[in-house]
Amino acid sequence: MKYMLLIYNRPGFVEELTEAEREALFGEVDAIMRELTESGEMVGGNALADPSGTKTVRGVDGQPAVTDGPFLETKEHFAGYLTVDCESRERAVEIASRWPDIRFGGHLEVRAVMDEAGTEM
């Protein structure tokens, strides 16, 4: 089953780390990515650009309305994602639990990817 691991971080946390802490953090991410690639569980993923250029489109009175985002009060932003193909939800949660960003106030959301038939709904 495929799962999306949605990564949410506190803006600016990486810049608060020392160079050694940043290297350790990125080293842990690289190790997890290598493990997932070697095990065949890695499907894909990407980091997302800084949220300062984000636009949000909502329906207002039946028409699209575009606003800048995120707003200043935002405590976290959607920073990236992984898609993994693992045997169980528990395995996907285990992978997310090892993601080093959670030690710095981030969190990961684990969501099953629906198949084309959409029968999971």
PDB file of N, CA and C in Angstrom:
ATOM      1  N   MET A   1       0.847  -1.179   0.000  1.00  0.00           N
ATOM      2  CA  MET A   1       0.000   0.000   0.000  1.00  0.00           C
ATOM      3  C   MET A   1       0.889   1.238   0.000  1.00  0.00           C
ATOM      4  N   LYS A   2       0.466   2.239  -0.731  1.00  0.00           N
ATOM      5  CA  LYS A   2       1.237   3.479  -0.779  1.00  0.00           C
ATOM      6  C   LYS A   2       0.718   4.455   0.276  1.00  0.00           C
ATOM      7  N   TYR A   3       1.672   5.172   0.870  1.00  0.00           N
ATOM      8  CA  TYR A   3       1.369   6.180   1.879  1.00  0.00           C
ATOM      9  C   TYR A   3       2.130   7.453   1.560  1.00  0.00           C
ATOM     10  N   MET A   4       1.471   8.590   1.777  1.00  0.00           N
ATOM     11  CA  MET A   4       2.146   9.884   1.694  1.00  0.00           C
ATOM     12  C   MET A   4       2.525  10.274   3.111  1.00  0.00           C
ATOM     13  N   LEU A   5       3.756  10.679   3.280  1.00  0.00           N
ATOM     14  CA  LEU A   5       4.232  11.209   4.551  1.00  0.00           C
ATOM     15  C   LEU A   5       4.390  12.708   4.328  1.00  0.00           C
ATOM     16  N   LEU A   6       3.458  13.473   4.858  1.00  0.00           N
ATOM     17  CA  LEU A   6       3.440  14.924   4.669  1.00  0.00           C
ATOM     18  C   LEU A   6       4.240  15.570   5.793  1.00  0.00           C
ATOM     19  N   ILE A   7       5.257  16.329   5.429  1.00  0.00           N
ATOM     20  CA  ILE A   7       6.197  16.892   6.393  1.00  0.00           C
ATOM     21  C   ILE A   7       5.829  18.348   6.671  1.00  0.00           C
ATOM     22  N   TYR A   8       5.583  18.662   7.937  1.00  0.00           N
ATOM     23  CA  TYR A   8       5.295  20.027   8.371  1.00  0.00           C
ATOM     24  C   TYR A   8       6.400  20.475   9.317  1.00  0.00           C
ATOM     25  N   ASN A   9       6.929  21.681   9.081  1.00  0.00           N
ATOM     26  CA  ASN A   9       8.012  22.209   9.902  1.00  0.00           C
ATOM     27  C   ASN A   9       7.690  23.605  10.390  1.00  0.00           C
ATOM     28  N   ARG A  10       8.401  23.979  11.442  1.00  0.00           N
ATOM     29  CA  ARG A  10       8.348  25.348  11.928  1.00  0.00           C
ATOM     30  C   ARG A  10       9.273  26.176  11.049  1.00  0.00           C
ATOM     31  N   PRO A  11       8.773  27.248  10.438  1.00  0.00           N
ATOM     32  CA  PRO A  11       9.625  28.062   9.564  1.00  0.00           C
ATOM     33  C   PRO A  11      10.886  28.540  10.285  1.00  0.00           C
ATOM     34  N   GLY A  12      12.014  28.438   9.607  1.00  0.00           N
ATOM     35  CA  GLY A  12      13.271  28.961  10.130  1.00  0.00           C
ATOM     36  C   GLY A  12      14.027  28.066  11.090  1.00  0.00           C
ATOM     37  N   PHE A  13      13.501  26.888  11.407  1.00  0.00           N
ATOM     38  CA  PHE A  13      14.182  26.075  12.414  1.00  0.00           C
ATOM     39  C   PHE A  13      15.568  25.639  11.953  1.00  0.00           C
ATOM     40  N   VAL A  14      15.756  25.375  10.683  1.00  0.00           N
ATOM     41  CA  VAL A  14      17.057  24.911  10.196  1.00  0.00           C
ATOM     42  C   VAL A  14      18.121  25.997  10.385  1.00  0.00           C
ATOM     43  N   GLU A  15      17.732  27.244  10.158  1.00  0.00           N
ATOM     44  CA  GLU A  15      18.679  28.346  10.312  1.00  0.00           C
ATOM     45  C   GLU A  15      19.104  28.548  11.760  1.00  0.00           C
ATOM     46  N   GLU A  16      18.306  28.066  12.711  1.00  0.00           N
ATOM     47  CA  GLU A  16      18.629  28.185  14.128  1.00  0.00           C
ATOM     48  C   GLU A  16      19.650  27.150  14.583  1.00  0.00           C
ATOM     49  N   LEU A  17      19.888  26.134  13.769  1.00  0.00           N
ATOM     50  CA  LEU A  17      20.808  25.062  14.135  1.00  0.00           C
ATOM     51  C   LEU A  17      22.250  25.476  13.857  1.00  0.00           C
ATOM     52  N   THR A  18      23.156  24.873  14.606  1.00  0.00           N
ATOM     53  CA  THR A  18      24.569  25.069  14.305  1.00  0.00           C
ATOM     54  C   THR A  18      24.891  24.306  13.025  1.00  0.00           C
ATOM     55  N   GLU A  19      26.038  24.593  12.453  1.00  0.00           N
ATOM     56  CA  GLU A  19      26.452  23.883  11.232  1.00  0.00           C
ATOM     57  C   GLU A  19      26.524  22.377  11.494  1.00  0.00           C
ATOM     58  N   ALA A  20      27.058  21.989  12.642  1.00  0.00           N
ATOM     59  CA  ALA A  20      27.158  20.562  12.982  1.00  0.00           C
ATOM     60  C   ALA A  20      25.774  19.929  13.121  1.00  0.00           C
ATOM     61  N   GLU A  21      24.834  20.651  13.730  1.00  0.00           N
ATOM     62  CA  GLU A  21      23.472  20.124  13.885  1.00  0.00           C
ATOM     63  C   GLU A  21      22.783  19.987  12.525  1.00  0.00           C
ATOM     64  N   ARG A  22      23.002  20.959  11.632  1.00  0.00           N
ATOM     65  CA  ARG A  22      22.424  20.876  10.279  1.00  0.00           C
ATOM     66  C   ARG A  22      22.986  19.673   9.526  1.00  0.00           C
ATOM     67  N   GLU A  23      24.308  19.494   9.613  1.00  0.00           N
ATOM     68  CA  GLU A  23      24.930  18.358   8.930  1.00  0.00           C
ATOM     69  C   GLU A  23      24.392  17.040   9.468  1.00  0.00           C
ATOM     70  N   ALA A  24      24.217  16.957  10.791  1.00  0.00           N
ATOM     71  CA  ALA A  24      23.679  15.738  11.392  1.00  0.00           C
ATOM     72  C   ALA A  24      22.236  15.500  10.933  1.00  0.00           C
ATOM     73  N   LEU A  25      21.434  16.552  10.925  1.00  0.00           N
ATOM     74  CA  LEU A  25      20.038  16.445  10.492  1.00  0.00           C
ATOM     75  C   LEU A  25      19.961  15.954   9.053  1.00  0.00           C
ATOM     76  N   PHE A  26      20.692  16.606   8.148  1.00  0.00           N
ATOM     77  CA  PHE A  26      20.661  16.211   6.741  1.00  0.00           C
ATOM     78  C   PHE A  26      21.268  14.823   6.537  1.00  0.00           C
ATOM     79  N   GLY A  27      22.236  14.459   7.371  1.00  0.00           N
ATOM     80  CA  GLY A  27      22.807  13.111   7.307  1.00  0.00           C
ATOM     81  C   GLY A  27      21.780  12.051   7.669  1.00  0.00           C
ATOM     82  N   GLU A  28      20.956  12.337   8.684  1.00  0.00           N
ATOM     83  CA  GLU A  28      19.896  11.395   9.062  1.00  0.00           C
ATOM     84  C   GLU A  28      18.874  11.249   7.946  1.00  0.00           C
ATOM     85  N   VAL A  29      18.491  12.369   7.340  1.00  0.00           N
ATOM     86  CA  VAL A  29      17.539  12.324   6.229  1.00  0.00           C
ATOM     87  C   VAL A  29      18.125  11.497   5.088  1.00  0.00           C
ATOM     88  N   ASP A  30      19.388  11.751   4.741  1.00  0.00           N
ATOM     89  CA  ASP A  30      20.036  10.992   3.665  1.00  0.00           C
ATOM     90  C   ASP A  30      20.056   9.494   3.972  1.00  0.00           C
ATOM     91  N   ALA A  31      20.324   9.141   5.230  1.00  0.00           N
ATOM     92  CA  ALA A  31      20.373   7.721   5.613  1.00  0.00           C
ATOM     93  C   ALA A  31      19.003   7.064   5.463  1.00  0.00           C
ATOM     94  N   ILE A  32      17.949   7.759   5.898  1.00  0.00           N
ATOM     95  CA  ILE A  32      16.604   7.202   5.766  1.00  0.00           C
ATOM     96  C   ILE A  32      16.247   7.053   4.288  1.00  0.00           C
ATOM     97  N   MET A  33      16.553   8.076   3.491  1.00  0.00           N
ATOM     98  CA  MET A  33      16.241   8.015   2.055  1.00  0.00           C
ATOM     99  C   MET A  33      16.990   6.866   1.380  1.00  0.00           C
ATOM    100  N   ARG A  34      18.246   6.680   1.740  1.00  0.00           N
ATOM    101  CA  ARG A  34      19.047   5.581   1.176  1.00  0.00           C
ATOM    102  C   ARG A  34      18.429   4.236   1.563  1.00  0.00           C
ATOM    103  N   GLU A  35      18.056   4.092   2.834  1.00  0.00           N
ATOM    104  CA  GLU A  35      17.434   2.844   3.311  1.00  0.00           C
ATOM    105  C   GLU A  35      16.144   2.551   2.555  1.00  0.00           C
ATOM    106  N   LEU A  36      15.297   3.563   2.387  1.00  0.00           N
ATOM    107  CA  LEU A  36      14.026   3.363   1.699  1.00  0.00           C
ATOM    108  C   LEU A  36      14.226   3.030   0.225  1.00  0.00           C
ATOM    109  N   THR A  37      15.237   3.639  -0.384  1.00  0.00           N
ATOM    110  CA  THR A  37      15.549   3.342  -1.783  1.00  0.00           C
ATOM    111  C   THR A  37      16.044   1.914  -1.919  1.00  0.00           C
ATOM    112  N   GLU A  38      16.960   1.506  -1.037  1.00  0.00           N
ATOM    113  CA  GLU A  38      17.517   0.154  -1.095  1.00  0.00           C
ATOM    114  C   GLU A  38      16.469  -0.911  -0.802  1.00  0.00           C
ATOM    115  N   SER A  39      15.498  -0.606   0.082  1.00  0.00           N
ATOM    116  CA  SER A  39      14.464  -1.593   0.417  1.00  0.00           C
ATOM    117  C   SER A  39      13.353  -1.640  -0.638  1.00  0.00           C
ATOM    118  N   GLY A  40      13.356  -0.670  -1.555  1.00  0.00           N
ATOM    119  CA  GLY A  40      12.312  -0.610  -2.573  1.00  0.00           C
ATOM    120  C   GLY A  40      11.037   0.069  -2.101  1.00  0.00           C
ATOM    121  N   GLU A  41      11.046   0.628  -0.890  1.00  0.00           N
ATOM    122  CA  GLU A  41       9.851   1.277  -0.356  1.00  0.00           C
ATOM    123  C   GLU A  41       9.692   2.721  -0.846  1.00  0.00           C
ATOM    124  N   MET A  42      10.767   3.335  -1.308  1.00  0.00           N
ATOM    125  CA  MET A  42      10.718   4.730  -1.741  1.00  0.00           C
ATOM    126  C   MET A  42      10.054   4.841  -3.101  1.00  0.00           C
ATOM    127  N   VAL A  43       9.004   5.637  -3.182  1.00  0.00           N
ATOM    128  CA  VAL A  43       8.322   5.885  -4.451  1.00  0.00           C
ATOM    129  C   VAL A  43       8.746   7.249  -4.983  1.00  0.00           C
ATOM    130  N   GLY A  44       8.804   8.254  -4.124  1.00  0.00           N
ATOM    131  CA  GLY A  44       9.196   9.592  -4.541  1.00  0.00           C
ATOM    132  C   GLY A  44       9.027  10.573  -3.415  1.00  0.00           C
ATOM    133  N   GLY A  45       9.315  11.814  -3.709  1.00  0.00           N
ATOM    134  CA  GLY A  45       9.155  12.864  -2.719  1.00  0.00           C
ATOM    135  C   GLY A  45       9.960  14.085  -3.096  1.00  0.00           C
ATOM    136  N   ASN A  46       9.639  15.187  -2.462  1.00  0.00           N
ATOM    137  CA  ASN A  46      10.339  16.436  -2.701  1.00  0.00           C
ATOM    138  C   ASN A  46      10.206  17.353  -1.505  1.00  0.00           C
ATOM    139  N   ALA A  47      11.214  18.201  -1.348  1.00  0.00           N
ATOM    140  CA  ALA A  47      11.088  19.329  -0.431  1.00  0.00           C
ATOM    141  C   ALA A  47      10.355  20.420  -1.191  1.00  0.00           C
ATOM    142  N   LEU A  48       9.709  21.309  -0.476  1.00  0.00           N
ATOM    143  CA  LEU A  48       9.006  22.420  -1.106  1.00  0.00           C
ATOM    144  C   LEU A  48       9.761  23.723  -0.849  1.00  0.00           C
ATOM    145  N   ALA A  49       9.631  24.662  -1.762  1.00  0.00           N
ATOM    146  CA  ALA A  49      10.294  25.957  -1.639  1.00  0.00           C
ATOM    147  C   ALA A  49       9.767  26.713  -0.425  1.00  0.00           C
ATOM    148  N   ASP A  50      10.507  27.734  -0.028  1.00  0.00           N
ATOM    149  CA  ASP A  50      10.112  28.587   1.091  1.00  0.00           C
ATOM    150  C   ASP A  50       8.666  29.049   0.898  1.00  0.00           C
ATOM    151  N   PRO A  51       7.861  29.021   1.957  1.00  0.00           N
ATOM    152  CA  PRO A  51       6.438  29.346   1.806  1.00  0.00           C
ATOM    153  C   PRO A  51       6.145  30.822   1.542  1.00  0.00           C
ATOM    154  N   SER A  52       7.144  31.685   1.554  1.00  0.00           N
ATOM    155  CA  SER A  52       6.880  33.114   1.365  1.00  0.00           C
ATOM    156  C   SER A  52       6.276  33.431  -0.005  1.00  0.00           C
ATOM    157  N   GLY A  53       6.477  32.571  -0.996  1.00  0.00           N
ATOM    158  CA  GLY A  53       5.910  32.793  -2.319  1.00  0.00           C
ATOM    159  C   GLY A  53       4.609  32.062  -2.560  1.00  0.00           C
ATOM    160  N   THR A  54       4.035  31.506  -1.506  1.00  0.00           N
ATOM    161  CA  THR A  54       2.812  30.712  -1.627  1.00  0.00           C
ATOM    162  C   THR A  54       1.612  31.573  -1.977  1.00  0.00           C
ATOM    163  N   LYS A  55       0.744  31.047  -2.800  1.00  0.00           N
ATOM    164  CA  LYS A  55      -0.555  31.651  -3.113  1.00  0.00           C
ATOM    165  C   LYS A  55      -1.623  30.644  -2.718  1.00  0.00           C
ATOM    166  N   THR A  56      -2.719  31.126  -2.169  1.00  0.00           N
ATOM    167  CA  THR A  56      -3.838  30.277  -1.788  1.00  0.00           C
ATOM    168  C   THR A  56      -5.047  30.690  -2.615  1.00  0.00           C
ATOM    169  N   VAL A  57      -5.720  29.710  -3.207  1.00  0.00           N
ATOM    170  CA  VAL A  57      -6.913  29.976  -4.010  1.00  0.00           C
ATOM    171  C   VAL A  57      -8.107  29.368  -3.281  1.00  0.00           C
ATOM    172  N   ARG A  58      -9.089  30.205  -2.997  1.00  0.00           N
ATOM    173  CA  ARG A  58     -10.317  29.771  -2.326  1.00  0.00           C
ATOM    174  C   ARG A  58     -11.510  30.271  -3.133  1.00  0.00           C
ATOM    175  N   GLY A  59     -12.625  29.614  -2.928  1.00  0.00           N
ATOM    176  CA  GLY A  59     -13.863  30.106  -3.524  1.00  0.00           C
ATOM    177  C   GLY A  59     -14.499  31.129  -2.610  1.00  0.00           C
ATOM    178  N   VAL A  60     -14.790  32.310  -3.144  1.00  0.00           N
ATOM    179  CA  VAL A  60     -15.482  33.357  -2.398  1.00  0.00           C
ATOM    180  C   VAL A  60     -16.648  33.818  -3.261  1.00  0.00           C
ATOM    181  N   ASP A  61     -17.847  33.633  -2.744  1.00  0.00           N
ATOM    182  CA  ASP A  61     -19.055  33.985  -3.501  1.00  0.00           C
ATOM    183  C   ASP A  61     -19.060  33.327  -4.872  1.00  0.00           C
ATOM    184  N   GLY A  62     -18.628  32.082  -4.940  1.00  0.00           N
ATOM    185  CA  GLY A  62     -18.650  31.325  -6.180  1.00  0.00           C
ATOM    186  C   GLY A  62     -17.543  31.657  -7.163  1.00  0.00           C
ATOM    187  N   GLN A  63     -16.616  32.514  -6.775  1.00  0.00           N
ATOM    188  CA  GLN A  63     -15.515  32.911  -7.651  1.00  0.00           C
ATOM    189  C   GLN A  63     -14.184  32.615  -6.971  1.00  0.00           C
ATOM    190  N   PRO A  64     -13.141  32.304  -7.758  1.00  0.00           N
ATOM    191  CA  PRO A  64     -11.838  32.089  -7.141  1.00  0.00           C
ATOM    192  C   PRO A  64     -11.266  33.401  -6.599  1.00  0.00           C
ATOM    193  N   ALA A  65     -10.712  33.332  -5.409  1.00  0.00           N
ATOM    194  CA  ALA A  65     -10.046  34.478  -4.793  1.00  0.00           C
ATOM    195  C   ALA A  65      -8.630  34.035  -4.425  1.00  0.00           C
ATOM    196  N   VAL A  66      -7.648  34.780  -4.864  1.00  0.00           N
ATOM    197  CA  VAL A  66      -6.251  34.443  -4.639  1.00  0.00           C
ATOM    198  C   VAL A  66      -5.683  35.360  -3.568  1.00  0.00           C
ATOM    199  N   THR A  67      -5.046  34.741  -2.556  1.00  0.00           N
ATOM    200  CA  THR A  67      -4.397  35.519  -1.501  1.00  0.00           C
ATOM    201  C   THR A  67      -2.966  35.048  -1.336  1.00  0.00           C
ATOM    202  N   ASP A  68      -2.145  35.904  -0.750  1.00  0.00           N
ATOM    203  CA  ASP A  68      -0.786  35.515  -0.405  1.00  0.00           C
ATOM    204  C   ASP A  68      -0.845  34.616   0.815  1.00  0.00           C
ATOM    205  N   GLY A  69       0.162  33.829   0.965  1.00  0.00           N
ATOM    206  CA  GLY A  69       0.239  32.976   2.141  1.00  0.00           C
ATOM    207  C   GLY A  69       1.651  32.483   2.288  1.00  0.00           C
ATOM    208  N   PRO A  70       2.012  31.888   3.373  1.00  0.00           N
ATOM    209  CA  PRO A  70       1.169  31.728   4.556  1.00  0.00           C
ATOM    210  C   PRO A  70       1.076  33.034   5.337  1.00  0.00           C
ATOM    211  N   PHE A  71       0.174  33.068   6.249  1.00  0.00           N
ATOM    212  CA  PHE A  71      -0.012  34.259   7.048  1.00  0.00           C
ATOM    213  C   PHE A  71       1.001  34.293   8.182  1.00  0.00           C
ATOM    214  N   LEU A  72       1.255  35.473   8.710  1.00  0.00           N
ATOM    215  CA  LEU A  72       2.278  35.645   9.739  1.00  0.00           C
ATOM    216  C   LEU A  72       2.044  34.771  10.961  1.00  0.00           C
ATOM    217  N   GLU A  73       0.779  34.501  11.298  1.00  0.00           N
ATOM    218  CA  GLU A  73       0.507  33.701  12.498  1.00  0.00           C
ATOM    219  C   GLU A  73       0.737  32.208  12.285  1.00  0.00           C
ATOM    220  N   THR A  74       1.120  31.807  11.082  1.00  0.00           N
ATOM    221  CA  THR A  74       1.354  30.397  10.811  1.00  0.00           C
ATOM    222  C   THR A  74       2.521  29.892  11.644  1.00  0.00           C
ATOM    223  N   LYS A  75       2.283  28.839  12.395  1.00  0.00           N
ATOM    224  CA  LYS A  75       3.327  28.259  13.242  1.00  0.00           C
ATOM    225  C   LYS A  75       4.109  27.176  12.508  1.00  0.00           C
ATOM    226  N   GLU A  76       3.490  26.560  11.515  1.00  0.00           N
ATOM    227  CA  GLU A  76       4.120  25.492  10.753  1.00  0.00           C
ATOM    228  C   GLU A  76       3.760  25.662   9.289  1.00  0.00           C
ATOM    229  N   HIS A  77       4.575  25.086   8.434  1.00  0.00           N
ATOM    230  CA  HIS A  77       4.243  25.088   7.010  1.00  0.00           C
ATOM    231  C   HIS A  77       4.516  23.716   6.421  1.00  0.00           C
ATOM    232  N   PHE A  78       3.843  23.433   5.323  1.00  0.00           N
ATOM    233  CA  PHE A  78       4.008  22.181   4.594  1.00  0.00           C
ATOM    234  C   PHE A  78       5.360  22.273   3.887  1.00  0.00           C
ATOM    235  N   ALA A  79       6.309  21.471   4.325  1.00  0.00           N
ATOM    236  CA  ALA A  79       7.690  21.601   3.868  1.00  0.00           C
ATOM    237  C   ALA A  79       8.090  20.593   2.801  1.00  0.00           C
ATOM    238  N   GLY A  80       7.366  19.499   2.686  1.00  0.00           N
ATOM    239  CA  GLY A  80       7.713  18.485   1.704  1.00  0.00           C
ATOM    240  C   GLY A  80       6.941  17.210   1.947  1.00  0.00           C
ATOM    241  N   TYR A  81       7.263  16.212   1.160  1.00  0.00           N
ATOM    242  CA  TYR A  81       6.530  14.959   1.271  1.00  0.00           C
ATOM    243  C   TYR A  81       7.383  13.801   0.765  1.00  0.00           C
ATOM    244  N   LEU A  82       7.034  12.623   1.226  1.00  0.00           N
ATOM    245  CA  LEU A  82       7.572  11.364   0.711  1.00  0.00           C
ATOM    246  C   LEU A  82       6.380  10.498   0.343  1.00  0.00           C
ATOM    247  N   THR A  83       6.542   9.703  -0.676  1.00  0.00           N
ATOM    248  CA  THR A  83       5.572   8.652  -0.952  1.00  0.00           C
ATOM    249  C   THR A  83       6.322   7.344  -0.799  1.00  0.00           C
ATOM    250  N   VAL A  84       5.792   6.478   0.041  1.00  0.00           N
ATOM    251  CA  VAL A  84       6.413   5.180   0.273  1.00  0.00           C
ATOM    252  C   VAL A  84       5.412   4.087  -0.053  1.00  0.00           C
ATOM    253  N   ASP A  85       5.923   2.934  -0.412  1.00  0.00           N
ATOM    254  CA  ASP A  85       5.088   1.771  -0.690  1.00  0.00           C
ATOM    255  C   ASP A  85       5.527   0.704   0.290  1.00  0.00           C
ATOM    256  N   CYS A  86       4.737   0.519   1.358  1.00  0.00           N
ATOM    257  CA  CYS A  86       5.110  -0.441   2.396  1.00  0.00           C
ATOM    258  C   CYS A  86       3.985  -1.417   2.674  1.00  0.00           C
ATOM    259  N   GLU A  87       4.322  -2.402   3.446  1.00  0.00           N
ATOM    260  CA  GLU A  87       3.375  -3.488   3.706  1.00  0.00           C
ATOM    261  C   GLU A  87       2.232  -3.094   4.622  1.00  0.00           C
ATOM    262  N   SER A  88       2.431  -2.064   5.458  1.00  0.00           N
ATOM    263  CA  SER A  88       1.385  -1.738   6.422  1.00  0.00           C
ATOM    264  C   SER A  88       1.447  -0.273   6.828  1.00  0.00           C
ATOM    265  N   ARG A  89       0.333   0.190   7.388  1.00  0.00           N
ATOM    266  CA  ARG A  89       0.287   1.535   7.939  1.00  0.00           C
ATOM    267  C   ARG A  89       1.299   1.665   9.087  1.00  0.00           C
ATOM    268  N   GLU A  90       1.464   0.591   9.841  1.00  0.00           N
ATOM    269  CA  GLU A  90       2.403   0.624  10.955  1.00  0.00           C
ATOM    270  C   GLU A  90       3.831   0.891  10.472  1.00  0.00           C
ATOM    271  N   ARG A  91       4.206   0.296   9.340  1.00  0.00           N
ATOM    272  CA  ARG A  91       5.540   0.535   8.780  1.00  0.00           C
ATOM    273  C   ARG A  91       5.665   1.989   8.333  1.00  0.00           C
ATOM    274  N   ALA A  92       4.641   2.539   7.706  1.00  0.00           N
ATOM    275  CA  ALA A  92       4.672   3.937   7.288  1.00  0.00           C
ATOM    276  C   ALA A  92       4.807   4.859   8.507  1.00  0.00           C
ATOM    277  N   VAL A  93       4.100   4.542   9.582  1.00  0.00           N
ATOM    278  CA  VAL A  93       4.199   5.332  10.814  1.00  0.00           C
ATOM    279  C   VAL A  93       5.602   5.203  11.411  1.00  0.00           C
ATOM    280  N   GLU A  94       6.174   4.017  11.333  1.00  0.00           N
ATOM    281  CA  GLU A  94       7.535   3.826  11.860  1.00  0.00           C
ATOM    282  C   GLU A  94       8.535   4.697  11.083  1.00  0.00           C
ATOM    283  N   ILE A  95       8.394   4.744   9.762  1.00  0.00           N
ATOM    284  CA  ILE A  95       9.276   5.589   8.949  1.00  0.00           C
ATOM    285  C   ILE A  95       9.096   7.050   9.348  1.00  0.00           C
ATOM    286  N   ALA A  96       7.851   7.499   9.459  1.00  0.00           N
ATOM    287  CA  ALA A  96       7.581   8.888   9.842  1.00  0.00           C
ATOM    288  C   ALA A  96       8.132   9.199  11.225  1.00  0.00           C
ATOM    289  N   SER A  97       8.071   8.242  12.138  1.00  0.00           N
ATOM    290  CA  SER A  97       8.558   8.443  13.502  1.00  0.00           C
ATOM    291  C   SER A  97      10.061   8.647  13.566  1.00  0.00           C
ATOM    292  N   ARG A  98      10.766   8.176  12.566  1.00  0.00           N
ATOM    293  CA  ARG A  98      12.222   8.317  12.528  1.00  0.00           C
ATOM    294  C   ARG A  98      12.675   9.611  11.860  1.00  0.00           C
ATOM    295  N   TRP A  99      11.749  10.337  11.223  1.00  0.00           N
ATOM    296  CA  TRP A  99      12.128  11.550  10.506  1.00  0.00           C
ATOM    297  C   TRP A  99      12.664  12.566  11.516  1.00  0.00           C
ATOM    298  N   PRO A 100      13.891  13.055  11.332  1.00  0.00           N
ATOM    299  CA  PRO A 100      14.535  13.871  12.368  1.00  0.00           C
ATOM    300  C   PRO A 100      13.879  15.222  12.637  1.00  0.00           C
ATOM    301  N   ASP A 101      13.126  15.765  11.715  1.00  0.00           N
ATOM    302  CA  ASP A 101      12.520  17.084  11.910  1.00  0.00           C
ATOM    303  C   ASP A 101      11.565  17.113  13.100  1.00  0.00           C
ATOM    304  N   ILE A 102      11.007  15.963  13.474  1.00  0.00           N
ATOM    305  CA  ILE A 102      10.049  15.955  14.587  1.00  0.00           C
ATOM    306  C   ILE A 102      10.712  16.360  15.905  1.00  0.00           C
ATOM    307  N   ARG A 103      12.021  16.199  15.992  1.00  0.00           N
ATOM    308  CA  ARG A 103      12.724  16.628  17.208  1.00  0.00           C
ATOM    309  C   ARG A 103      12.815  18.142  17.314  1.00  0.00           C
ATOM    310  N   PHE A 104      12.517  18.849  16.240  1.00  0.00           N
ATOM    311  CA  PHE A 104      12.640  20.302  16.207  1.00  0.00           C
ATOM    312  C   PHE A 104      11.278  20.978  16.034  1.00  0.00           C
ATOM    313  N   GLY A 105      10.225  20.302  16.467  1.00  0.00           N
ATOM    314  CA  GLY A 105       8.894  20.899  16.436  1.00  0.00           C
ATOM    315  C   GLY A 105       8.078  20.584  15.207  1.00  0.00           C
ATOM    316  N   GLY A 106       8.621  19.831  14.277  1.00  0.00           N
ATOM    317  CA  GLY A 106       7.867  19.463  13.082  1.00  0.00           C
ATOM    318  C   GLY A 106       6.997  18.245  13.345  1.00  0.00           C
ATOM    319  N   HIS A 107       6.175  17.914  12.380  1.00  0.00           N
ATOM    320  CA  HIS A 107       5.399  16.675  12.471  1.00  0.00           C
ATOM    321  C   HIS A 107       5.145  16.142  11.070  1.00  0.00           C
ATOM    322  N   LEU A 108       4.857  14.864  11.001  1.00  0.00           N
ATOM    323  CA  LEU A 108       4.527  14.212   9.736  1.00  0.00           C
ATOM    324  C   LEU A 108       3.127  13.646   9.831  1.00  0.00           C
ATOM    325  N   GLU A 109       2.377  13.818   8.765  1.00  0.00           N
ATOM    326  CA  GLU A 109       1.048  13.238   8.649  1.00  0.00           C
ATOM    327  C   GLU A 109       1.177  12.033   7.724  1.00  0.00           C
ATOM    328  N   VAL A 110       0.633  10.894   8.130  1.00  0.00           N
ATOM    329  CA  VAL A 110       0.709   9.665   7.343  1.00  0.00           C
ATOM    330  C   VAL A 110      -0.680   9.396   6.771  1.00  0.00           C
ATOM    331  N   ARG A 111      -0.766   9.412   5.433  1.00  0.00           N
ATOM    332  CA  ARG A 111      -2.063   9.206   4.784  1.00  0.00           C
ATOM    333  C   ARG A 111      -1.934   8.181   3.685  1.00  0.00           C
ATOM    334  N   ALA A 112      -2.875   7.252   3.665  1.00  0.00           N
ATOM    335  CA  ALA A 112      -2.914   6.256   2.599  1.00  0.00           C
ATOM    336  C   ALA A 112      -3.255   6.936   1.279  1.00  0.00           C
ATOM    337  N   VAL A 113      -2.650   6.455   0.205  1.00  0.00           N
ATOM    338  CA  VAL A 113      -2.944   6.941  -1.137  1.00  0.00           C
ATOM    339  C   VAL A 113      -4.020   6.024  -1.711  1.00  0.00           C
ATOM    340  N   MET A 114      -5.109   6.626  -2.163  1.00  0.00           N
ATOM    341  CA  MET A 114      -6.186   5.815  -2.721  1.00  0.00           C
ATOM    342  C   MET A 114      -5.788   5.252  -4.064  1.00  0.00           C
ATOM    343  N   ASP A 115      -6.274   4.060  -4.370  1.00  0.00           N
ATOM    344  CA  ASP A 115      -6.019   3.513  -5.697  1.00  0.00           C
ATOM    345  C   ASP A 115      -6.964   4.176  -6.691  1.00  0.00           C
ATOM    346  N   GLU A 116      -6.802   3.861  -7.941  1.00  0.00           N
ATOM    347  CA  GLU A 116      -7.574   4.531  -8.981  1.00  0.00           C
ATOM    348  C   GLU A 116      -9.083   4.349  -8.843  1.00  0.00           C
ATOM    349  N   ALA A 117      -9.510   3.233  -8.261  1.00  0.00           N
ATOM    350  CA  ALA A 117     -10.946   2.986  -8.105  1.00  0.00           C
ATOM    351  C   ALA A 117     -11.534   3.829  -6.974  1.00  0.00           C
ATOM    352  N   GLY A 118     -10.687   4.280  -6.055  1.00  0.00           N
ATOM    353  CA  GLY A 118     -11.169   5.094  -4.950  1.00  0.00           C
ATOM    354  C   GLY A 118     -12.032   4.336  -3.959  1.00  0.00           C
ATOM    355  N   THR A 119     -11.866   3.036  -3.893  1.00  0.00           N
ATOM    356  CA  THR A 119     -12.707   2.211  -3.024  1.00  0.00           C
ATOM    357  C   THR A 119     -12.386   2.410  -1.550  1.00  0.00           C
ATOM    358  N   GLU A 120     -11.273   3.073  -1.233  1.00  0.00           N
ATOM    359  CA  GLU A 120     -10.917   3.266   0.174  1.00  0.00           C
ATOM    360  C   GLU A 120     -11.816   4.275   0.871  1.00  0.00           C
ATOM    361  N   MET A 121     -12.536   5.071   0.108  1.00  0.00           N
ATOM    362  CA  MET A 121     -13.412   6.077   0.717  1.00  0.00           C
ATOM    363  C   MET A 121     -14.538   5.355   1.353  1.00  0.00           C
TER     364      MET A 121
END
